[in-house]
Amino acid sequence: MFGIGMPEMILIAAVALIVLGPKKLPELAKSLGRALREFKKATSELKESINVDNELTDVKKVFDEMNHDIKEAVDVNNIGFDDKDQKVSASSNDKKSEKEPKEQEDKGSLKDD
């Protein structure tokens, strides 16, 4: 733990016993234990929060990809409709131009009679 071996831990405990005394040492150990527990709890909550953020980021990426695919599909369909509209309008213009000479011929033949 933090590169501290058993001899170093014994030395730290002996110094703490001398400095703090036998009465305050158990209270210090309790408060140190509580602090470590709270620290672990806070870090686990932070890890969960980061994990949730990562999952939300993944979900957002999926939705962005779906949105992009849908837009491409709609754009392709719109291009197809534009082409069809142009073909329809061109074919209707062709039909109109075909009808006009026939109507003129019919009118001309009626005038001749």
Protein backbone atom coordinates (compact mmCIF):
# COMPACT_ATOMS: atom_id res chain seq x y z
CA MET A 1 0.00 0.00 0.00
CA PHE A 2 1.68 3.21 -1.27
CA GLY A 3 5.06 1.49 -1.16
CA ILE A 4 5.07 1.40 2.64
CA GLY A 5 6.37 -1.83 4.10
CA MET A 6 5.79 -3.39 7.52
CA PRO A 7 8.80 -1.74 9.21
CA GLU A 8 7.67 1.72 8.07
CA MET A 9 4.12 1.08 9.31
CA ILE A 10 5.42 0.03 12.75
CA LEU A 11 7.57 3.17 12.93
CA ILE A 12 4.60 5.41 12.01
CA ALA A 13 2.38 3.68 14.60
CA ALA A 14 5.05 4.10 17.32
CA VAL A 15 5.50 7.81 16.53
CA ALA A 16 1.71 8.33 16.50
CA LEU A 17 1.42 6.53 19.88
CA ILE A 18 4.13 8.72 21.38
CA VAL A 19 2.81 12.00 19.91
CA LEU A 20 -0.94 11.47 20.39
CA GLY A 21 -0.97 9.23 23.42
CA PRO A 22 -2.93 6.06 24.08
CA LYS A 23 -6.23 7.89 24.74
CA LYS A 24 -6.53 9.79 21.45
CA LEU A 25 -5.09 7.09 19.18
CA PRO A 26 -8.32 4.98 18.99
CA GLU A 27 -10.37 8.10 18.20
CA LEU A 28 -7.91 9.02 15.45
CA ALA A 29 -8.10 5.50 14.02
CA LYS A 30 -11.93 5.68 13.96
CA SER A 31 -11.97 9.03 12.23
CA LEU A 32 -9.30 7.86 9.79
CA GLY A 33 -11.41 4.75 9.02
CA ARG A 34 -14.50 6.90 8.46
CA ALA A 35 -12.57 9.23 6.19
CA LEU A 36 -11.24 6.32 4.12
CA ARG A 37 -14.76 4.83 3.89
CA GLU A 38 -16.19 8.17 2.68
CA PHE A 39 -13.32 8.55 0.22
CA LYS A 40 -13.97 5.09 -1.22
CA LYS A 41 -17.69 5.83 -1.42
CA ALA A 42 -17.05 9.12 -3.22
CA THR A 43 -14.64 7.52 -5.68
CA SER A 44 -17.08 4.69 -6.43
CA GLU A 45 -19.86 7.24 -7.07
CA LEU A 46 -17.52 9.18 -9.33
CA LYS A 47 -16.63 6.00 -11.24
CA GLU A 48 -20.34 5.19 -11.66
CA SER A 49 -21.00 8.73 -12.87
CA ILE A 50 -18.18 8.50 -15.40
CA ASN A 51 -19.46 5.09 -16.52
CA VAL A 52 -22.97 6.51 -17.00
CA ASP A 53 -21.52 9.43 -18.96
CA ASN A 54 -19.63 6.99 -21.20
CA GLU A 55 -22.80 4.95 -21.76
CA LEU A 56 -24.74 8.12 -22.58
CA THR A 57 -22.00 9.14 -24.99
CA ASP A 58 -22.27 5.75 -26.71
CA VAL A 59 -26.06 6.08 -26.95
CA LYS A 60 -25.70 9.61 -28.32
CA LYS A 61 -23.29 8.35 -30.99
CA VAL A 62 -25.78 5.67 -32.03
CA PHE A 63 -28.59 8.21 -32.29
CA ASP A 64 -26.37 10.60 -34.25
CA GLU A 65 -25.51 7.80 -36.69
CA MET A 66 -29.19 6.91 -37.04
CA ASN A 67 -30.05 10.56 -37.62
CA HIS A 68 -27.34 10.83 -40.28
CA ASP A 69 -28.57 7.65 -42.00
CA ILE A 70 -32.16 8.89 -41.97
CA LYS A 71 -31.13 12.24 -43.43
CA GLU A 72 -29.19 10.48 -46.19
CA ALA A 73 -32.18 8.28 -46.95
CA VAL A 74 -34.51 11.28 -47.09
CA ASP A 75 -32.06 13.18 -49.30
CA VAL A 76 -31.79 10.22 -51.66
CA ASN A 77 -35.58 9.96 -51.80
CA ASN A 78 -35.90 13.69 -52.45
CA ILE A 79 -33.42 13.44 -55.29
CA GLY A 80 -35.44 10.57 -56.68
CA PHE A 81 -38.63 12.62 -56.44
CA ASP A 82 -36.96 15.58 -58.14
CA ASP A 83 -35.85 13.34 -61.00
CA LYS A 84 -39.33 11.87 -61.27
CA ASP A 85 -40.86 15.34 -61.21
CA GLN A 86 -38.51 16.44 -63.96
CA LYS A 87 -39.29 13.32 -65.98
CA VAL A 88 -43.02 13.78 -65.43
CA SER A 89 -42.89 17.45 -66.39
CA ALA A 90 -40.72 16.66 -69.41
CA SER A 91 -43.01 13.86 -70.52
CA SER A 92 -46.10 16.04 -70.00
CA ASN A 93 -44.44 18.78 -72.07
CA ASP A 94 -43.69 16.21 -74.76
CA LYS A 95 -47.29 15.03 -74.70
CA LYS A 96 -48.51 18.62 -74.94
CA SER A 97 -46.24 19.31 -77.87
CA GLU A 98 -47.44 16.11 -79.55
CA LYS A 99 -51.09 17.06 -78.99
CA GLU A 100 -50.71 20.61 -80.31
CA PRO A 101 -49.75 19.63 -83.89
CA LYS A 102 -52.52 17.03 -83.96
CA GLU A 103 -55.03 19.62 -82.76
CA GLN A 104 -53.76 22.06 -85.33
CA GLU A 105 -54.03 19.39 -88.02
CA ASP A 106 -57.57 18.58 -86.88
CA LYS A 107 -58.50 22.27 -86.90
CA GLY A 108 -56.85 22.70 -90.29
CA SER A 109 -58.74 19.74 -91.74
CA LEU A 110 -62.00 21.11 -90.35
CA LYS A 111 -61.39 24.45 -91.99
CA ASP A 112 -60.72 22.79 -95.31
CA ASP A 113 -64.09 21.02 -95.19
